[in-house]
Amino acid sequence: FLLALLPLIRIVVWAVLDKMGANPLEWMTRNTGSW
């Protein structure tokens, strides 16, 4: 359960740190779909 939450935690952390690149929405869309 905790491991499966890691992708979501990563998205939140990268959003806070502004590390999602020039197009954050595309990055989040791509990552959620991949996972």
PDB file of all heavy atoms in Angstrom:
ATOM      1  N   PHE A   1       0.832  -1.204   0.000  1.00  0.00           N
ATOM      2  CA  PHE A   1       0.000   0.000   0.000  1.00  0.00           C
ATOM      3  C   PHE A   1       0.872   1.262   0.000  1.00  0.00           C
ATOM      4  O   PHE A   1       0.647   2.190  -0.781  1.00  0.00           O
ATOM      5  CB  PHE A   1      -0.916  -0.016   1.221  1.00  0.00           C
ATOM      6  CG  PHE A   1      -1.846   1.159   1.312  1.00  0.00           C
ATOM      7  CD1 PHE A   1      -3.083   1.127   0.671  1.00  0.00           C
ATOM      8  CD2 PHE A   1      -1.494   2.296   2.029  1.00  0.00           C
ATOM      9  CE1 PHE A   1      -3.947   2.207   0.744  1.00  0.00           C
ATOM     10  CE2 PHE A   1      -2.345   3.381   2.113  1.00  0.00           C
ATOM     11  CZ  PHE A   1      -3.577   3.342   1.468  1.00  0.00           C
ATOM     12  N   LEU A   2       1.882   1.273   0.866  1.00  0.00           N
ATOM     13  CA  LEU A   2       2.760   2.443   0.958  1.00  0.00           C
ATOM     14  C   LEU A   2       3.585   2.617  -0.316  1.00  0.00           C
ATOM     15  O   LEU A   2       3.778   3.744  -0.794  1.00  0.00           O
ATOM     16  CB  LEU A   2       3.679   2.310   2.176  1.00  0.00           C
ATOM     17  CG  LEU A   2       2.972   2.352   3.543  1.00  0.00           C
ATOM     18  CD1 LEU A   2       3.971   2.089   4.656  1.00  0.00           C
ATOM     19  CD2 LEU A   2       2.270   3.691   3.753  1.00  0.00           C
ATOM     20  N   LEU A   3       4.056   1.510  -0.874  1.00  0.00           N
ATOM     21  CA  LEU A   3       4.813   1.588  -2.127  1.00  0.00           C
ATOM     22  C   LEU A   3       3.949   2.119  -3.265  1.00  0.00           C
ATOM     23  O   LEU A   3       4.423   2.910  -4.103  1.00  0.00           O
ATOM     24  CB  LEU A   3       5.368   0.208  -2.495  1.00  0.00           C
ATOM     25  CG  LEU A   3       6.549  -0.293  -1.667  1.00  0.00           C
ATOM     26  CD1 LEU A   3       6.848  -1.755  -2.000  1.00  0.00           C
ATOM     27  CD2 LEU A   3       7.786   0.570  -1.903  1.00  0.00           C
ATOM     28  N   ALA A   4       2.688   1.697  -3.288  1.00  0.00           N
ATOM     29  CA  ALA A   4       1.788   2.152  -4.347  1.00  0.00           C
ATOM     30  C   ALA A   4       1.447   3.633  -4.216  1.00  0.00           C
ATOM     31  O   ALA A   4       1.033   4.265  -5.194  1.00  0.00           O
ATOM     32  CB  ALA A   4       0.513   1.315  -4.343  1.00  0.00           C
ATOM     33  N   LEU A   5       1.622   4.187  -3.031  1.00  0.00           N
ATOM     34  CA  LEU A   5       1.384   5.616  -2.828  1.00  0.00           C
ATOM     35  C   LEU A   5       2.573   6.478  -3.237  1.00  0.00           C
ATOM     36  O   LEU A   5       2.433   7.694  -3.403  1.00  0.00           O
ATOM     37  CB  LEU A   5       1.054   5.895  -1.356  1.00  0.00           C
ATOM     38  CG  LEU A   5      -0.362   5.592  -0.884  1.00  0.00           C
ATOM     39  CD1 LEU A   5      -0.481   5.897   0.606  1.00  0.00           C
ATOM     40  CD2 LEU A   5      -1.394   6.402  -1.664  1.00  0.00           C
ATOM     41  N   LEU A   6       3.741   5.867  -3.399  1.00  0.00           N
ATOM     42  CA  LEU A   6       4.949   6.637  -3.697  1.00  0.00           C
ATOM     43  C   LEU A   6       4.835   7.494  -4.965  1.00  0.00           C
ATOM     44  O   LEU A   6       5.305   8.644  -4.970  1.00  0.00           O
ATOM     45  CB  LEU A   6       6.155   5.705  -3.797  1.00  0.00           C
ATOM     46  CG  LEU A   6       6.696   5.159  -2.466  1.00  0.00           C
ATOM     47  CD1 LEU A   6       7.881   4.240  -2.720  1.00  0.00           C
ATOM     48  CD2 LEU A   6       7.097   6.299  -1.534  1.00  0.00           C
ATOM     49  N   PRO A   7       4.242   6.975  -6.062  1.00  0.00           N
ATOM     50  CA  PRO A   7       4.109   7.851  -7.240  1.00  0.00           C
ATOM     51  C   PRO A   7       3.305   9.116  -6.957  1.00  0.00           C
ATOM     52  O   PRO A   7       3.654  10.199  -7.452  1.00  0.00           O
ATOM     53  CB  PRO A   7       3.386   6.963  -8.262  1.00  0.00           C
ATOM     54  CG  PRO A   7       3.747   5.573  -7.857  1.00  0.00           C
ATOM     55  CD  PRO A   7       3.809   5.604  -6.365  1.00  0.00           C
ATOM     56  N   LEU A   8       2.247   8.991  -6.154  1.00  0.00           N
ATOM     57  CA  LEU A   8       1.456  10.167  -5.798  1.00  0.00           C
ATOM     58  C   LEU A   8       2.271  11.123  -4.930  1.00  0.00           C
ATOM     59  O   LEU A   8       2.239  12.346  -5.145  1.00  0.00           O
ATOM     60  CB  LEU A   8       0.188   9.746  -5.063  1.00  0.00           C
ATOM     61  CG  LEU A   8      -0.720  10.880  -4.578  1.00  0.00           C
ATOM     62  CD1 LEU A   8      -1.235  11.690  -5.755  1.00  0.00           C
ATOM     63  CD2 LEU A   8      -1.877  10.328  -3.752  1.00  0.00           C
ATOM     64  N   ILE A   9       3.002  10.571  -3.971  1.00  0.00           N
ATOM     65  CA  ILE A   9       3.847  11.405  -3.111  1.00  0.00           C
ATOM     66  C   ILE A   9       4.894  12.127  -3.943  1.00  0.00           C
ATOM     67  O   ILE A   9       5.172  13.323  -3.741  1.00  0.00           O
ATOM     68  CB  ILE A   9       4.514  10.549  -2.014  1.00  0.00           C
ATOM     69  CG1 ILE A   9       3.432   9.977  -1.078  1.00  0.00           C
ATOM     70  CG2 ILE A   9       5.539  11.351  -1.234  1.00  0.00           C
ATOM     71  CD1 ILE A   9       3.961   8.945  -0.097  1.00  0.00           C
ATOM     72  N   ARG A  10       5.467  11.429  -4.908  1.00  0.00           N
ATOM     73  CA  ARG A  10       6.473  12.045  -5.791  1.00  0.00           C
ATOM     74  C   ARG A  10       5.871  13.207  -6.570  1.00  0.00           C
ATOM     75  O   ARG A  10       6.501  14.274  -6.703  1.00  0.00           O
ATOM     76  CB  ARG A  10       7.018  10.990  -6.756  1.00  0.00           C
ATOM     77  CG  ARG A  10       7.999  11.532  -7.788  1.00  0.00           C
ATOM     78  CD  ARG A  10       8.582  10.380  -8.582  1.00  0.00           C
ATOM     79  NE  ARG A  10       9.462  10.844  -9.646  1.00  0.00           N
ATOM     80  CZ  ARG A  10       9.118  10.877 -10.930  1.00  0.00           C
ATOM     81  NH1 ARG A  10       7.908  10.473 -11.291  1.00  0.00           N
ATOM     82  NH2 ARG A  10       9.959  11.290 -11.843  1.00  0.00           N
ATOM     83  N   ILE A  11       4.670  13.028  -7.081  1.00  0.00           N
ATOM     84  CA  ILE A  11       4.014  14.105  -7.833  1.00  0.00           C
ATOM     85  C   ILE A  11       3.813  15.328  -6.940  1.00  0.00           C
ATOM     86  O   ILE A  11       4.091  16.463  -7.345  1.00  0.00           O
ATOM     87  CB  ILE A  11       2.669  13.613  -8.401  1.00  0.00           C
ATOM     88  CG1 ILE A  11       2.909  12.605  -9.532  1.00  0.00           C
ATOM     89  CG2 ILE A  11       1.839  14.790  -8.914  1.00  0.00           C
ATOM     90  CD1 ILE A  11       1.651  11.928 -10.036  1.00  0.00           C
ATOM     91  N   VAL A  12       3.341  15.090  -5.712  1.00  0.00           N
ATOM     92  CA  VAL A  12       3.088  16.199  -4.788  1.00  0.00           C
ATOM     93  C   VAL A  12       4.398  16.908  -4.439  1.00  0.00           C
ATOM     94  O   VAL A  12       4.480  18.144  -4.459  1.00  0.00           O
ATOM     95  CB  VAL A  12       2.380  15.695  -3.516  1.00  0.00           C
ATOM     96  CG1 VAL A  12       2.286  16.809  -2.474  1.00  0.00           C
ATOM     97  CG2 VAL A  12       0.990  15.162  -3.846  1.00  0.00           C
ATOM     98  N   VAL A  13       5.430  16.122  -4.133  1.00  0.00           N
ATOM     99  CA  VAL A  13       6.712  16.714  -3.751  1.00  0.00           C
ATOM    100  C   VAL A  13       7.307  17.508  -4.906  1.00  0.00           C
ATOM    101  O   VAL A  13       7.780  18.637  -4.729  1.00  0.00           O
ATOM    102  CB  VAL A  13       7.691  15.621  -3.278  1.00  0.00           C
ATOM    103  CG1 VAL A  13       9.092  16.189  -3.101  1.00  0.00           C
ATOM    104  CG2 VAL A  13       7.205  15.009  -1.969  1.00  0.00           C
ATOM    105  N   TRP A  14       7.277  16.938  -6.098  1.00  0.00           N
ATOM    106  CA  TRP A  14       7.836  17.646  -7.252  1.00  0.00           C
ATOM    107  C   TRP A  14       7.027  18.894  -7.579  1.00  0.00           C
ATOM    108  O   TRP A  14       7.587  19.885  -8.063  1.00  0.00           O
ATOM    109  CB  TRP A  14       7.907  16.703  -8.463  1.00  0.00           C
ATOM    110  CG  TRP A  14       9.088  15.783  -8.414  1.00  0.00           C
ATOM    111  CD1 TRP A  14       9.577  15.147  -7.299  1.00  0.00           C
ATOM    112  CD2 TRP A  14       9.921  15.382  -9.492  1.00  0.00           C
ATOM    113  NE1 TRP A  14      10.648  14.369  -7.628  1.00  0.00           N
ATOM    114  CE2 TRP A  14      10.891  14.492  -8.971  1.00  0.00           C
ATOM    115  CE3 TRP A  14       9.930  15.660 -10.847  1.00  0.00           C
ATOM    116  CZ2 TRP A  14      11.862  13.910  -9.754  1.00  0.00           C
ATOM    117  CZ3 TRP A  14      10.892  15.064 -11.642  1.00  0.00           C
ATOM    118  CH2 TRP A  14      11.853  14.210 -11.100  1.00  0.00           C
ATOM    119  N   ALA A  15       5.713  18.857  -7.315  1.00  0.00           N
ATOM    120  CA  ALA A  15       4.893  20.052  -7.537  1.00  0.00           C
ATOM    121  C   ALA A  15       5.299  21.155  -6.559  1.00  0.00           C
ATOM    122  O   ALA A  15       5.440  22.323  -6.949  1.00  0.00           O
ATOM    123  CB  ALA A  15       3.416  19.715  -7.380  1.00  0.00           C
ATOM    124  N   VAL A  16       5.521  20.789  -5.302  1.00  0.00           N
ATOM    125  CA  VAL A  16       5.930  21.766  -4.290  1.00  0.00           C
ATOM    126  C   VAL A  16       7.298  22.337  -4.612  1.00  0.00           C
ATOM    127  O   VAL A  16       7.548  23.550  -4.452  1.00  0.00           O
ATOM    128  CB  VAL A  16       5.919  21.126  -2.885  1.00  0.00           C
ATOM    129  CG1 VAL A  16       6.538  22.060  -1.855  1.00  0.00           C
ATOM    130  CG2 VAL A  16       4.498  20.754  -2.477  1.00  0.00           C
ATOM    131  N   LEU A  17       8.198  21.490  -5.095  1.00  0.00           N
ATOM    132  CA  LEU A  17       9.567  21.923  -5.403  1.00  0.00           C
ATOM    133  C   LEU A  17       9.700  22.523  -6.805  1.00  0.00           C
ATOM    134  O   LEU A  17      10.806  22.924  -7.193  1.00  0.00           O
ATOM    135  CB  LEU A  17      10.530  20.738  -5.263  1.00  0.00           C
ATOM    136  CG  LEU A  17      10.634  20.113  -3.861  1.00  0.00           C
ATOM    137  CD1 LEU A  17      11.572  18.914  -3.880  1.00  0.00           C
ATOM    138  CD2 LEU A  17      11.104  21.146  -2.837  1.00  0.00           C
ATOM    139  N   ASP A  18       8.588  22.535  -7.541  1.00  0.00           N
ATOM    140  CA  ASP A  18       8.579  23.088  -8.897  1.00  0.00           C
ATOM    141  C   ASP A  18       9.616  22.393  -9.788  1.00  0.00           C
ATOM    142  O   ASP A  18      10.424  23.032 -10.464  1.00  0.00           O
ATOM    143  CB  ASP A  18       8.841  24.598  -8.853  1.00  0.00           C
ATOM    144  CG  ASP A  18       8.521  25.279 -10.179  1.00  0.00           C
ATOM    145  OD1 ASP A  18       7.750  24.692 -10.965  1.00  0.00           O
ATOM    146  OD2 ASP A  18       9.053  26.371 -10.437  1.00  0.00           O
ATOM    147  N   LYS A  19       9.568  21.055  -9.785  1.00  0.00           N
ATOM    148  CA  LYS A  19      10.530  20.260 -10.560  1.00  0.00           C
ATOM    149  C   LYS A  19       9.868  19.508 -11.717  1.00  0.00           C
ATOM    150  O   LYS A  19      10.442  18.557 -12.242  1.00  0.00           O
ATOM    151  CB  LYS A  19      11.244  19.261  -9.645  1.00  0.00           C
ATOM    152  CG  LYS A  19      12.136  19.895  -8.601  1.00  0.00           C
ATOM    153  CD  LYS A  19      12.820  18.840  -7.744  1.00  0.00           C
ATOM    154  CE  LYS A  19      13.708  17.934  -8.540  1.00  0.00           C
ATOM    155  NZ  LYS A  19      14.434  16.948  -7.701  1.00  0.00           N
ATOM    156  N   MET A  20       8.673  19.962 -12.130  1.00  0.00           N
ATOM    157  CA  MET A  20       7.935  19.218 -13.146  1.00  0.00           C
ATOM    158  C   MET A  20       8.178  19.727 -14.558  1.00  0.00           C
ATOM    159  O   MET A  20       7.514  19.312 -15.497  1.00  0.00           O
ATOM    160  CB  MET A  20       6.439  19.230 -12.822  1.00  0.00           C
ATOM    161  CG  MET A  20       6.099  18.455 -11.572  1.00  0.00           C
ATOM    162  SD  MET A  20       4.326  18.302 -11.275  1.00  0.00           S
ATOM    163  CE  MET A  20       3.907  20.005 -10.894  1.00  0.00           C
ATOM    164  N   GLY A  21       9.131  20.623 -14.714  1.00  0.00           N
ATOM    165  CA  GLY A  21       9.485  21.082 -16.048  1.00  0.00           C
ATOM    166  C   GLY A  21       8.626  22.233 -16.533  1.00  0.00           C
ATOM    167  O   GLY A  21       7.865  22.849 -15.781  1.00  0.00           O
ATOM    168  N   ALA A  22       8.753  22.490 -17.843  1.00  0.00           N
ATOM    169  CA  ALA A  22       8.077  23.646 -18.425  1.00  0.00           C
ATOM    170  C   ALA A  22       6.575  23.462 -18.524  1.00  0.00           C
ATOM    171  O   ALA A  22       5.825  24.440 -18.566  1.00  0.00           O
ATOM    172  CB  ALA A  22       8.650  23.931 -19.816  1.00  0.00           C
ATOM    173  N   ASN A  23       6.123  22.187 -18.581  1.00  0.00           N
ATOM    174  CA  ASN A  23       4.691  21.909 -18.708  1.00  0.00           C
ATOM    175  C   ASN A  23       4.265  20.960 -17.583  1.00  0.00           C
ATOM    176  O   ASN A  23       4.175  19.744 -17.790  1.00  0.00           O
ATOM    177  CB  ASN A  23       4.384  21.298 -20.081  1.00  0.00           C
ATOM    178  CG  ASN A  23       2.901  21.293 -20.387  1.00  0.00           C
ATOM    179  OD1 ASN A  23       2.066  21.281 -19.479  1.00  0.00           O
ATOM    180  ND2 ASN A  23       2.559  21.294 -21.663  1.00  0.00           N
ATOM    181  N   PRO A  24       3.991  21.491 -16.397  1.00  0.00           N
ATOM    182  CA  PRO A  24       3.659  20.636 -15.249  1.00  0.00           C
ATOM    183  C   PRO A  24       2.414  19.772 -15.467  1.00  0.00           C
ATOM    184  O   PRO A  24       2.388  18.622 -15.023  1.00  0.00           O
ATOM    185  CB  PRO A  24       3.424  21.644 -14.115  1.00  0.00           C
ATOM    186  CG  PRO A  24       4.109  22.883 -14.547  1.00  0.00           C
ATOM    187  CD  PRO A  24       4.022  22.918 -16.029  1.00  0.00           C
ATOM    188  N   LEU A  25       1.414  20.301 -16.165  1.00  0.00           N
ATOM    189  CA  LEU A  25       0.183  19.539 -16.377  1.00  0.00           C
ATOM    190  C   LEU A  25       0.437  18.322 -17.263  1.00  0.00           C
ATOM    191  O   LEU A  25      -0.072  17.230 -17.001  1.00  0.00           O
ATOM    192  CB  LEU A  25      -0.889  20.437 -16.989  1.00  0.00           C
ATOM    193  CG  LEU A  25      -1.309  21.634 -16.137  1.00  0.00           C
ATOM    194  CD1 LEU A  25      -2.383  22.438 -16.836  1.00  0.00           C
ATOM    195  CD2 LEU A  25      -1.799  21.168 -14.770  1.00  0.00           C
ATOM    196  N   GLU A  26       1.240  18.512 -18.298  1.00  0.00           N
ATOM    197  CA  GLU A  26       1.589  17.373 -19.160  1.00  0.00           C
ATOM    198  C   GLU A  26       2.394  16.343 -18.378  1.00  0.00           C
ATOM    199  O   GLU A  26       2.198  15.133 -18.533  1.00  0.00           O
ATOM    200  CB  GLU A  26       2.380  17.862 -20.367  1.00  0.00           C
ATOM    201  CG  GLU A  26       2.763  16.729 -21.326  1.00  0.00           C
ATOM    202  CD  GLU A  26       3.612  17.210 -22.492  1.00  0.00           C
ATOM    203  OE1 GLU A  26       3.810  18.427 -22.619  1.00  0.00           O
ATOM    204  OE2 GLU A  26       4.081  16.349 -23.258  1.00  0.00           O
ATOM    205  N   TRP A  27       3.302  16.809 -17.522  1.00  0.00           N
ATOM    206  CA  TRP A  27       4.124  15.907 -16.714  1.00  0.00           C
ATOM    207  C   TRP A  27       3.246  15.077 -15.785  1.00  0.00           C
ATOM    208  O   TRP A  27       3.413  13.855 -15.675  1.00  0.00           O
ATOM    209  CB  TRP A  27       5.132  16.716 -15.908  1.00  0.00           C
ATOM    210  CG  TRP A  27       6.130  15.894 -15.160  1.00  0.00           C
ATOM    211  CD1 TRP A  27       7.341  15.462 -15.601  1.00  0.00           C
ATOM    212  CD2 TRP A  27       5.992  15.387 -13.822  1.00  0.00           C
ATOM    213  NE1 TRP A  27       7.975  14.723 -14.637  1.00  0.00           N
ATOM    214  CE2 TRP A  27       7.169  14.662 -13.528  1.00  0.00           C
ATOM    215  CE3 TRP A  27       5.000  15.482 -12.856  1.00  0.00           C
ATOM    216  CZ2 TRP A  27       7.375  14.036 -12.306  1.00  0.00           C
ATOM    217  CZ3 TRP A  27       5.195  14.851 -11.633  1.00  0.00           C
ATOM    218  CH2 TRP A  27       6.375  14.140 -11.368  1.00  0.00           C
ATOM    219  N   MET A  28       2.290  15.718 -15.118  1.00  0.00           N
ATOM    220  CA  MET A  28       1.404  14.992 -14.206  1.00  0.00           C
ATOM    221  C   MET A  28       0.504  14.027 -14.966  1.00  0.00           C
ATOM    222  O   MET A  28       0.273  12.899 -14.527  1.00  0.00           O
ATOM    223  CB  MET A  28       0.567  15.976 -13.392  1.00  0.00           C
ATOM    224  CG  MET A  28       1.339  16.699 -12.310  1.00  0.00           C
ATOM    225  SD  MET A  28       0.273  17.626 -11.173  1.00  0.00           S
ATOM    226  CE  MET A  28      -0.292  18.950 -12.253  1.00  0.00           C
ATOM    227  N   THR A  29      -0.007  14.464 -16.118  1.00  0.00           N
ATOM    228  CA  THR A  29      -0.870  13.596 -16.916  1.00  0.00           C
ATOM    229  C   THR A  29      -0.109  12.362 -17.379  1.00  0.00           C
ATOM    230  O   THR A  29      -0.604  11.230 -17.290  1.00  0.00           O
ATOM    231  CB  THR A  29      -1.412  14.367 -18.134  1.00  0.00           C
ATOM    232  OG1 THR A  29      -2.128  15.519 -17.680  1.00  0.00           O
ATOM    233  CG2 THR A  29      -2.345  13.495 -18.961  1.00  0.00           C
ATOM    234  N   ARG A  30       1.111  12.572 -17.858  1.00  0.00           N
ATOM    235  CA  ARG A  30       1.933  11.458 -18.346  1.00  0.00           C
ATOM    236  C   ARG A  30       2.281  10.493 -17.212  1.00  0.00           C
ATOM    237  O   ARG A  30       2.213   9.261 -17.376  1.00  0.00           O
ATOM    238  CB  ARG A  30       3.198  11.999 -18.996  1.00  0.00           C
ATOM    239  CG  ARG A  30       4.057  10.922 -19.652  1.00  0.00           C
ATOM    240  CD  ARG A  30       5.236  11.522 -20.390  1.00  0.00           C
ATOM    241  NE  ARG A  30       6.157  12.193 -19.475  1.00  0.00           N
ATOM    242  CZ  ARG A  30       6.345  13.499 -19.432  1.00  0.00           C
ATOM    243  NH1 ARG A  30       5.649  14.296 -20.223  1.00  0.00           N
ATOM    244  NH2 ARG A  30       7.211  14.039 -18.585  1.00  0.00           N
ATOM    245  N   ASN A  31       2.639  11.034 -16.050  1.00  0.00           N
ATOM    246  CA  ASN A  31       3.047  10.168 -14.939  1.00  0.00           C
ATOM    247  C   ASN A  31       1.894   9.370 -14.367  1.00  0.00           C
ATOM    248  O   ASN A  31       2.046   8.170 -14.066  1.00  0.00           O
ATOM    249  CB  ASN A  31       3.702  11.017 -13.840  1.00  0.00           C
ATOM    250  CG  ASN A  31       5.194  11.189 -14.050  1.00  0.00           C
ATOM    251  OD1 ASN A  31       5.995  10.454 -13.509  1.00  0.00           O
ATOM    252  ND2 ASN A  31       5.570  12.167 -14.882  1.00  0.00           N
ATOM    253  N   THR A  32       0.748   9.991 -14.185  1.00  0.00           N
ATOM    254  CA  THR A  32      -0.395   9.238 -13.656  1.00  0.00           C
ATOM    255  C   THR A  32      -0.818   8.144 -14.630  1.00  0.00           C
ATOM    256  O   THR A  32      -1.159   7.031 -14.223  1.00  0.00           O
ATOM    257  CB  THR A  32      -1.577  10.174 -13.362  1.00  0.00           C
ATOM    258  OG1 THR A  32      -1.857  10.996 -14.523  1.00  0.00           O
ATOM    259  CG2 THR A  32      -1.283  11.072 -12.175  1.00  0.00           C
ATOM    260  N   GLY A  33      -0.789   8.437 -15.932  1.00  0.00           N
ATOM    261  CA  GLY A  33      -1.133   7.416 -16.918  1.00  0.00           C
ATOM    262  C   GLY A  33      -0.129   6.275 -16.935  1.00  0.00           C
ATOM    263  O   GLY A  33      -0.511   5.104 -17.023  1.00  0.00           O
ATOM    264  N   SER A  34       1.159   6.618 -16.835  1.00  0.00           N
ATOM    265  CA  SER A  34       2.190   5.576 -16.842  1.00  0.00           C
ATOM    266  C   SER A  34       2.055   4.657 -15.633  1.00  0.00           C
ATOM    267  O   SER A  34       2.128   3.426 -15.765  1.00  0.00           O
ATOM    268  CB  SER A  34       3.586   6.213 -16.851  1.00  0.00           C
ATOM    269  OG  SER A  34       3.803   6.930 -18.056  1.00  0.00           O
ATOM    270  N   TRP A  35       1.841   5.234 -14.455  1.00  0.00           N
ATOM    271  CA  TRP A  35       1.714   4.405 -13.269  1.00  0.00           C
ATOM    272  C   TRP A  35       0.438   3.574 -13.284  1.00  0.00           C
ATOM    273  O   TRP A  35       0.417   2.453 -12.749  1.00  0.00           O
ATOM    274  CB  TRP A  35       1.808   5.253 -12.007  1.00  0.00           C
ATOM    275  CG  TRP A  35       3.225   5.539 -11.665  1.00  0.00           C
ATOM    276  CD1 TRP A  35       3.917   6.705 -11.866  1.00  0.00           C
ATOM    277  CD2 TRP A  35       4.173   4.607 -11.123  1.00  0.00           C
ATOM    278  NE1 TRP A  35       5.225   6.558 -11.479  1.00  0.00           N
ATOM    279  CE2 TRP A  35       5.416   5.283 -11.013  1.00  0.00           C
ATOM    280  CE3 TRP A  35       4.091   3.282 -10.717  1.00  0.00           C
ATOM    281  CZ2 TRP A  35       6.552   4.664 -10.518  1.00  0.00           C
ATOM    282  CZ3 TRP A  35       5.237   2.661 -10.216  1.00  0.00           C
ATOM    283  CH2 TRP A  35       6.436   3.354 -10.123  1.00  0.00           C
TER     284      TRP A  35
END
